[in-house]
Amino acid sequence: MDLKAAVKQIRAGEVSPLYLCYGTEKYRIKEFVSMLENELIEEDQRAFAVAHYDLAETPVEVVVEEAETAPFLVERKLVIVRDSSLFTAGKESTKVEHRVEKLLEYIGNPADYSVLVFVAYAEKLDERKKVVKSFKTAAPVIQFAPMGENELANWITKQFQKSSVSIGSDGVDMLLKRAGTTLGTLSAEIEKLSLFAGQGGAVGPSDVEKLVAISTEQSVFVLVEHIANLKLQQALGVFYDLLKQREEPIKLLSLIARQFRIMLQVKEMSTQNYSQQQMAGQLGLHPYAVKIAAEQAKRFEIAKLRRILALVAKLDHEIKTGAVDKVFGLEMFLLKLGA
């Protein structure tokens, strides 16, 4: 089921006794579960009407027993269950044995006074498993995949609007470049920027630059962006700032290599007519990261990107064998790229 459709049904009072939520967007899954809790259970009743379980520690038959037990002093109870590998292809990380047949029986005849929500932080479900097939037949199965570029930008804008603060597309771009695409991190930065702007205020790119600290990964992204734009002085400036922050040169080299590798992969896949969404799925990246890598890759031929990665491998070997000083070696590497 589509997330929007599920939320619309719940707010209209059409609540399913079973939900299966899966995907890599943990923040959105937690938002959905919190929304369910707010819609179904009064705040003063949550201590005895909401139960949390983890299948890495608790057999699934105990969860079923909880769902089958009538609620105490309330009309309905909410049971939230974190899945380890019951619905996915991952290997069991614990020695807990699950009587899956008990869950299958419950899926066929769920209690009308319980809402049982399973959460699996995995990109895919194991479609071969009987429990997955049964769930898909009987209840909403909601995927929480990374947002596309436009969807993410709209989400950021709406988060600001909740505090009656406006932000333009250039401010959104700057926020993504400095904070990345992780929703939890973005949410915290949005809250900070909204407090700074105040109700009815506006946030611009300069405000984001002043208030949002840039992560090491995002700094490397900016460094590569400067190299792609042949802005050597700015690239070296970012590099020296990272050294002042006591970042390890070998780590920086690894991150630089990763970005150029993504650029090469995107460049090669674009020649095969892959869409950005397809590239993101194949590479396990956020669609926005693919978009930026594609823009950077336009300034390089495939052969040039391969030569750069060969230089990275050579430098990595020289640093690790002590043939060259790590700071000097990386500095010379950046100068070569800029030239």
Protein backbone atom coordinates (compact mmCIF):
# COMPACT_ATOMS: atom_id res chain seq x y z
CA MET A 1 0.00 0.00 0.00
CA ASP A 2 1.08 3.57 -0.68
CA LEU A 3 2.10 5.54 2.45
CA LYS A 4 -0.20 8.49 1.66
CA ALA A 5 -3.16 6.17 1.18
CA ALA A 6 -2.44 4.41 4.48
CA VAL A 7 -2.21 7.71 6.39
CA LYS A 8 -5.43 8.96 4.76
CA GLN A 9 -7.30 5.79 5.76
CA ILE A 10 -6.04 5.90 9.35
CA ARG A 11 -7.03 9.55 9.79
CA ALA A 12 -10.45 8.70 8.37
CA GLY A 13 -10.83 6.03 11.07
CA GLU A 14 -10.22 3.06 8.74
CA VAL A 15 -7.53 1.26 10.74
CA SER A 16 -6.21 -2.18 9.80
CA PRO A 17 -5.48 -4.66 12.63
CA LEU A 18 -2.14 -5.44 10.93
CA TYR A 19 0.62 -3.38 9.29
CA LEU A 20 4.03 -4.31 7.91
CA CYS A 21 6.43 -1.38 7.44
CA TYR A 22 9.77 -1.90 5.75
CA GLY A 23 12.49 0.16 4.10
CA THR A 24 15.68 2.09 4.72
CA GLU A 25 14.05 5.40 5.73
CA LYS A 26 13.99 4.81 9.50
CA TYR A 27 12.92 8.39 10.23
CA ARG A 28 9.76 8.10 8.09
CA ILE A 29 8.89 4.71 9.59
CA LYS A 30 9.17 6.20 13.10
CA GLU A 31 7.01 9.14 11.98
CA PHE A 32 4.35 6.73 10.71
CA VAL A 33 4.36 4.67 13.92
CA SER A 34 4.15 7.88 16.00
CA MET A 35 1.21 9.05 13.88
CA LEU A 36 -0.56 5.72 14.48
CA GLU A 37 0.06 6.05 18.21
CA ASN A 38 -1.30 9.61 18.27
CA GLU A 39 -4.38 8.70 16.24
CA LEU A 40 -5.28 5.53 18.16
CA ILE A 41 -4.21 5.95 21.76
CA GLU A 42 -4.82 8.85 24.16
CA GLU A 43 -1.61 10.16 25.69
CA ASP A 44 -2.58 9.26 29.28
CA GLN A 45 -3.38 5.68 28.19
CA ARG A 46 -0.14 4.87 26.36
CA ALA A 47 1.64 3.41 29.39
CA PHE A 48 -0.69 0.39 29.36
CA ALA A 49 -2.11 0.49 25.81
CA VAL A 50 1.15 0.48 23.80
CA ALA A 51 3.58 -2.46 23.86
CA HIS A 52 7.00 -2.68 22.20
CA TYR A 53 8.80 -5.91 21.24
CA ASP A 54 11.98 -6.87 19.40
CA LEU A 55 12.04 -10.23 17.61
CA ALA A 56 15.79 -10.44 18.21
CA GLU A 57 14.90 -10.95 21.89
CA THR A 58 11.29 -12.18 21.94
CA PRO A 59 9.66 -15.17 20.19
CA VAL A 60 6.91 -14.13 17.78
CA GLU A 61 4.37 -16.36 19.57
CA VAL A 62 4.72 -14.08 22.65
CA VAL A 63 3.88 -11.11 20.42
CA VAL A 64 0.82 -12.95 19.08
CA GLU A 65 -0.27 -13.76 22.63
CA GLU A 66 0.03 -10.05 23.50
CA ALA A 67 -2.11 -9.09 20.49
CA GLU A 68 -4.73 -11.71 21.41
CA THR A 69 -4.97 -10.52 25.02
CA ALA A 70 -7.83 -8.08 25.47
CA PRO A 71 -6.77 -4.52 26.42
CA PHE A 72 -7.19 -3.29 29.99
CA LEU A 73 -9.44 -0.23 30.53
CA VAL A 74 -9.05 0.90 26.91
CA GLU A 75 -10.90 0.17 23.68
CA ARG A 76 -7.84 -0.76 21.63
CA LYS A 77 -4.14 -1.52 22.09
CA LEU A 78 -1.13 -0.93 19.81
CA VAL A 79 1.64 -3.53 19.57
CA ILE A 80 4.83 -2.39 17.82
CA VAL A 81 7.32 -5.09 16.83
CA ARG A 82 10.82 -4.63 15.45
CA ASP A 83 11.71 -7.48 13.11
CA SER A 84 15.19 -8.97 12.88
CA SER A 85 14.80 -11.41 9.97
CA LEU A 86 11.30 -12.89 10.03
CA PHE A 87 10.28 -10.98 6.89
CA THR A 88 13.68 -10.42 5.28
CA ALA A 89 16.46 -12.49 3.77
CA GLY A 90 18.90 -11.63 6.55
CA LYS A 91 20.33 -14.33 8.78
CA GLU A 92 19.15 -14.76 12.35
CA SER A 93 21.43 -12.73 14.63
CA THR A 94 20.12 -14.40 17.81
CA LYS A 95 19.24 -17.88 19.00
CA VAL A 96 15.56 -16.98 19.55
CA GLU A 97 13.33 -19.55 17.87
CA HIS A 98 10.04 -18.35 16.38
CA ARG A 99 6.88 -20.40 15.93
CA VAL A 100 5.90 -18.66 12.70
CA GLU A 101 2.79 -20.83 12.34
CA LYS A 102 1.27 -18.92 15.30
CA LEU A 103 1.70 -15.64 13.42
CA LEU A 104 0.27 -17.16 10.24
CA GLU A 105 -2.82 -18.26 12.20
CA TYR A 106 -3.17 -14.77 13.66
CA ILE A 107 -2.83 -13.08 10.24
CA GLY A 108 -5.80 -15.18 9.11
CA ASN A 109 -7.92 -14.10 12.09
CA PRO A 110 -6.56 -10.95 13.85
CA ALA A 111 -8.15 -9.53 17.00
CA ASP A 112 -10.29 -6.45 16.37
CA TYR A 113 -9.10 -4.76 19.57
CA SER A 114 -5.38 -4.81 18.69
CA VAL A 115 -3.30 -3.09 16.01
CA LEU A 116 -0.15 -5.10 15.38
CA VAL A 117 2.64 -3.25 13.55
CA PHE A 118 5.79 -5.01 12.33
CA VAL A 119 8.80 -2.85 11.43
CA ALA A 120 11.67 -4.18 9.27
CA TYR A 121 14.57 -1.83 8.56
CA ALA A 122 15.52 -3.52 5.29
CA GLU A 123 15.49 -2.50 1.65
CA LYS A 124 13.54 -5.58 0.56
CA LEU A 125 11.28 -8.28 1.96
CA ASP A 126 11.93 -11.94 1.26
CA GLU A 127 9.08 -12.68 -1.14
CA ARG A 128 9.75 -16.42 -0.89
CA LYS A 129 8.62 -16.58 2.74
CA LYS A 130 5.08 -17.71 3.47
CA VAL A 131 4.67 -15.08 6.18
CA VAL A 132 5.42 -12.30 3.68
CA LYS A 133 2.96 -13.71 1.13
CA SER A 134 0.28 -14.04 3.84
CA PHE A 135 0.82 -10.50 5.03
CA LYS A 136 0.58 -9.08 1.50
CA THR A 137 -2.74 -10.86 1.02
CA ALA A 138 -4.28 -9.87 4.35
CA ALA A 139 -2.90 -6.47 5.40
CA PRO A 140 -1.24 -3.21 4.30
CA VAL A 141 2.45 -3.62 3.47
CA ILE A 142 4.07 -0.18 3.28
CA GLN A 143 7.48 0.53 1.79
CA PHE A 144 9.56 3.46 3.08
CA ALA A 145 12.09 4.05 0.31
CA PRO A 146 14.34 7.14 -0.02
CA MET A 147 12.49 10.14 -1.44
CA GLY A 148 13.17 11.34 -4.94
CA GLU A 149 14.80 14.74 -5.48
CA ASN A 150 11.55 16.72 -5.82
CA GLU A 151 9.81 14.82 -3.03
CA LEU A 152 12.72 15.49 -0.67
CA ALA A 153 12.74 19.21 -1.52
CA ASN A 154 8.97 19.38 -0.91
CA TRP A 155 9.38 17.55 2.40
CA ILE A 156 11.97 20.10 3.57
CA THR A 157 9.75 23.01 2.52
CA LYS A 158 6.76 21.54 4.38
CA GLN A 159 8.83 20.97 7.54
CA PHE A 160 9.70 24.68 7.54
CA GLN A 161 6.06 25.60 6.87
CA LYS A 162 5.02 23.79 10.06
CA SER A 163 6.89 26.54 11.93
CA SER A 164 5.54 29.26 9.59
CA VAL A 165 9.01 29.72 8.08
CA SER A 166 9.73 29.96 4.34
CA ILE A 167 12.76 28.73 2.40
CA GLY A 168 13.55 29.04 -1.32
CA SER A 169 14.96 26.38 -3.64
CA ASP A 170 18.48 27.82 -3.28
CA GLY A 171 18.21 27.49 0.50
CA VAL A 172 17.00 23.90 0.15
CA ASP A 173 19.95 23.08 -2.13
CA MET A 174 22.41 24.59 0.32
CA LEU A 175 20.86 22.64 3.21
CA LEU A 176 21.16 19.36 1.30
CA LYS A 177 24.77 20.11 0.36
CA ARG A 178 25.73 20.81 3.97
CA ALA A 179 23.54 18.38 5.94
CA GLY A 180 23.14 15.53 3.44
CA THR A 181 19.96 13.55 2.80
CA THR A 182 19.43 11.74 6.13
CA LEU A 183 15.98 12.82 7.33
CA GLY A 184 16.85 12.71 11.02
CA THR A 185 19.78 15.09 10.51
CA LEU A 186 17.74 17.35 8.22
CA SER A 187 14.90 17.50 10.74
CA ALA A 188 17.26 18.66 13.52
CA GLU A 189 18.81 21.33 11.25
CA ILE A 190 15.37 22.51 10.09
CA GLU A 191 14.27 22.94 13.71
CA LYS A 192 17.41 24.99 14.45
CA LEU A 193 17.00 27.19 11.35
CA SER A 194 13.29 27.70 12.09
CA LEU A 195 14.07 28.91 15.62
CA PHE A 196 16.66 31.29 14.16
CA ALA A 197 14.27 32.72 11.56
CA GLY A 198 11.29 32.93 13.91
CA GLN A 199 7.61 32.62 13.02
CA GLY A 200 6.91 34.35 9.72
CA GLY A 201 10.63 34.53 8.90
CA ALA A 202 12.60 33.27 5.92
CA VAL A 203 15.75 31.14 5.62
CA GLY A 204 18.26 31.83 2.83
CA PRO A 205 21.46 30.11 1.66
CA SER A 206 23.66 32.44 3.76
CA ASP A 207 21.70 31.49 6.91
CA VAL A 208 22.23 27.81 6.15
CA GLU A 209 25.97 28.37 5.59
CA LYS A 210 26.29 30.17 8.94
CA LEU A 211 24.22 27.80 11.07
CA VAL A 212 24.55 24.30 9.58
CA ALA A 213 27.81 22.52 10.32
CA ILE A 214 29.04 20.53 7.35
CA SER A 215 29.93 16.87 7.90
CA THR A 216 33.19 15.29 6.73
CA GLU A 217 31.36 13.37 3.99
CA GLN A 218 29.63 16.53 2.76
CA SER A 219 32.94 18.45 2.92
CA VAL A 220 34.51 15.86 0.63
CA PHE A 221 31.52 16.20 -1.68
CA VAL A 222 32.14 19.98 -1.81
CA LEU A 223 35.86 19.37 -2.37
CA VAL A 224 35.13 17.12 -5.35
CA GLU A 225 32.61 19.67 -6.63
CA HIS A 226 35.36 22.32 -6.62
CA ILE A 227 37.70 19.95 -8.48
CA ALA A 228 34.99 19.25 -11.06
CA ASN A 229 34.57 23.00 -11.54
CA LEU A 230 38.38 23.47 -11.77
CA LYS A 231 38.39 25.60 -8.62
CA LEU A 232 41.70 24.39 -7.19
CA GLN A 233 42.13 27.06 -4.50
CA GLN A 234 38.67 26.38 -3.07
CA ALA A 235 39.31 22.62 -3.13
CA LEU A 236 42.59 23.05 -1.25
CA GLY A 237 40.83 25.39 1.19
CA VAL A 238 38.32 22.66 2.07
CA PHE A 239 41.18 20.14 2.39
CA TYR A 240 43.14 22.36 4.79
CA ASP A 241 40.00 23.01 6.86
CA LEU A 242 39.49 19.25 7.20
CA LEU A 243 43.09 18.83 8.34
CA LYS A 244 42.55 21.55 10.98
CA GLN A 245 39.59 19.48 12.21
CA ARG A 246 42.06 16.58 12.65
CA GLU A 247 40.48 14.46 9.94
CA GLU A 248 42.66 11.49 8.95
CA PRO A 249 44.09 11.94 5.39
CA ILE A 250 43.62 8.23 4.59
CA LYS A 251 39.92 8.56 5.48
CA LEU A 252 39.66 11.62 3.24
CA LEU A 253 41.34 9.75 0.38
CA SER A 254 38.86 6.91 0.83
CA LEU A 255 35.90 9.31 0.69
CA ILE A 256 37.33 11.07 -2.40
CA ALA A 257 37.78 7.68 -4.08
CA ARG A 258 34.20 6.74 -3.23
CA GLN A 259 32.81 9.92 -4.82
CA PHE A 260 34.83 9.44 -8.01
CA ARG A 261 33.80 5.78 -8.13
CA ILE A 262 30.13 6.81 -7.89
CA MET A 263 30.71 9.35 -10.67
CA LEU A 264 32.21 6.63 -12.89
CA GLN A 265 29.36 4.20 -12.18
CA VAL A 266 26.74 6.87 -12.87
CA LYS A 267 28.54 7.92 -16.06
CA GLU A 268 28.66 4.33 -17.32
CA MET A 269 25.03 3.61 -16.38
CA SER A 270 23.83 6.78 -18.07
CA THR A 271 25.24 5.47 -21.37
CA GLN A 272 22.93 2.46 -20.89
CA ASN A 273 19.87 4.75 -20.47
CA TYR A 274 19.33 4.05 -16.76
CA SER A 275 17.09 6.61 -15.02
CA GLN A 276 18.36 8.34 -11.86
CA GLN A 277 15.89 6.31 -9.80
CA GLN A 278 17.18 3.06 -11.33
CA MET A 279 20.79 4.12 -10.70
CA ALA A 280 19.95 4.90 -7.08
CA GLY A 281 18.44 1.44 -6.63
CA GLN A 282 21.39 -0.32 -8.30
CA LEU A 283 24.03 1.63 -6.36
CA GLY A 284 22.21 1.76 -3.01
CA LEU A 285 22.31 5.57 -2.99
CA HIS A 286 19.84 8.36 -2.41
CA PRO A 287 18.42 9.71 -5.72
CA TYR A 288 19.71 13.21 -4.83
CA ALA A 289 23.26 11.85 -4.44
CA VAL A 290 22.96 10.24 -7.89
CA LYS A 291 21.74 13.52 -9.39
CA ILE A 292 24.74 15.45 -7.99
CA ALA A 293 27.19 12.72 -9.06
CA ALA A 294 25.70 12.83 -12.57
CA GLU A 295 26.18 16.60 -12.72
CA GLN A 296 29.80 16.28 -11.55
CA ALA A 297 30.47 13.41 -13.97
CA LYS A 298 29.47 15.55 -16.96
CA ARG A 299 32.81 17.35 -16.65
CA PHE A 300 34.84 14.13 -16.96
CA GLU A 301 35.25 11.51 -19.65
CA ILE A 302 34.95 7.87 -18.53
CA ALA A 303 38.65 7.31 -19.32
CA LYS A 304 39.61 10.30 -17.15
CA LEU A 305 37.59 9.00 -14.20
CA ARG A 306 39.29 5.61 -14.51
CA ARG A 307 42.73 7.29 -14.54
CA ILE A 308 41.81 9.25 -11.40
CA LEU A 309 40.75 6.07 -9.60
CA ALA A 310 44.02 4.41 -10.67
CA LEU A 311 45.91 7.38 -9.18
CA VAL A 312 43.93 7.02 -5.95
CA ALA A 313 44.81 3.31 -5.72
CA LYS A 314 48.49 4.08 -6.35
CA LEU A 315 48.55 6.84 -3.72
CA ASP A 316 46.76 4.64 -1.19
CA HIS A 317 49.43 1.96 -1.67
CA GLU A 318 52.27 4.50 -1.36
CA ILE A 319 50.85 6.00 1.85
CA LYS A 320 50.24 2.63 3.48
CA THR A 321 53.74 1.37 2.61
CA GLY A 322 55.36 4.56 3.87
CA ALA A 323 56.68 5.56 0.44
CA VAL A 324 55.06 9.00 0.73
CA ASP A 325 53.84 11.25 3.56
CA LYS A 326 50.04 11.04 3.74
CA VAL A 327 49.36 14.79 3.95
CA PHE A 328 51.93 15.69 1.26
CA GLY A 329 50.76 12.83 -0.97
CA LEU A 330 47.10 13.86 -0.79
CA GLU A 331 48.00 17.53 -1.32
CA MET A 332 49.99 16.65 -4.47
CA PHE A 333 47.13 14.44 -5.66
CA LEU A 334 44.69 17.38 -5.41
CA LEU A 335 47.12 19.64 -7.24
CA LYS A 336 47.36 17.08 -10.07
CA LEU A 337 43.59 16.87 -10.29
CA GLY A 338 43.27 20.65 -10.35
CA ALA A 339 45.83 20.87 -13.14
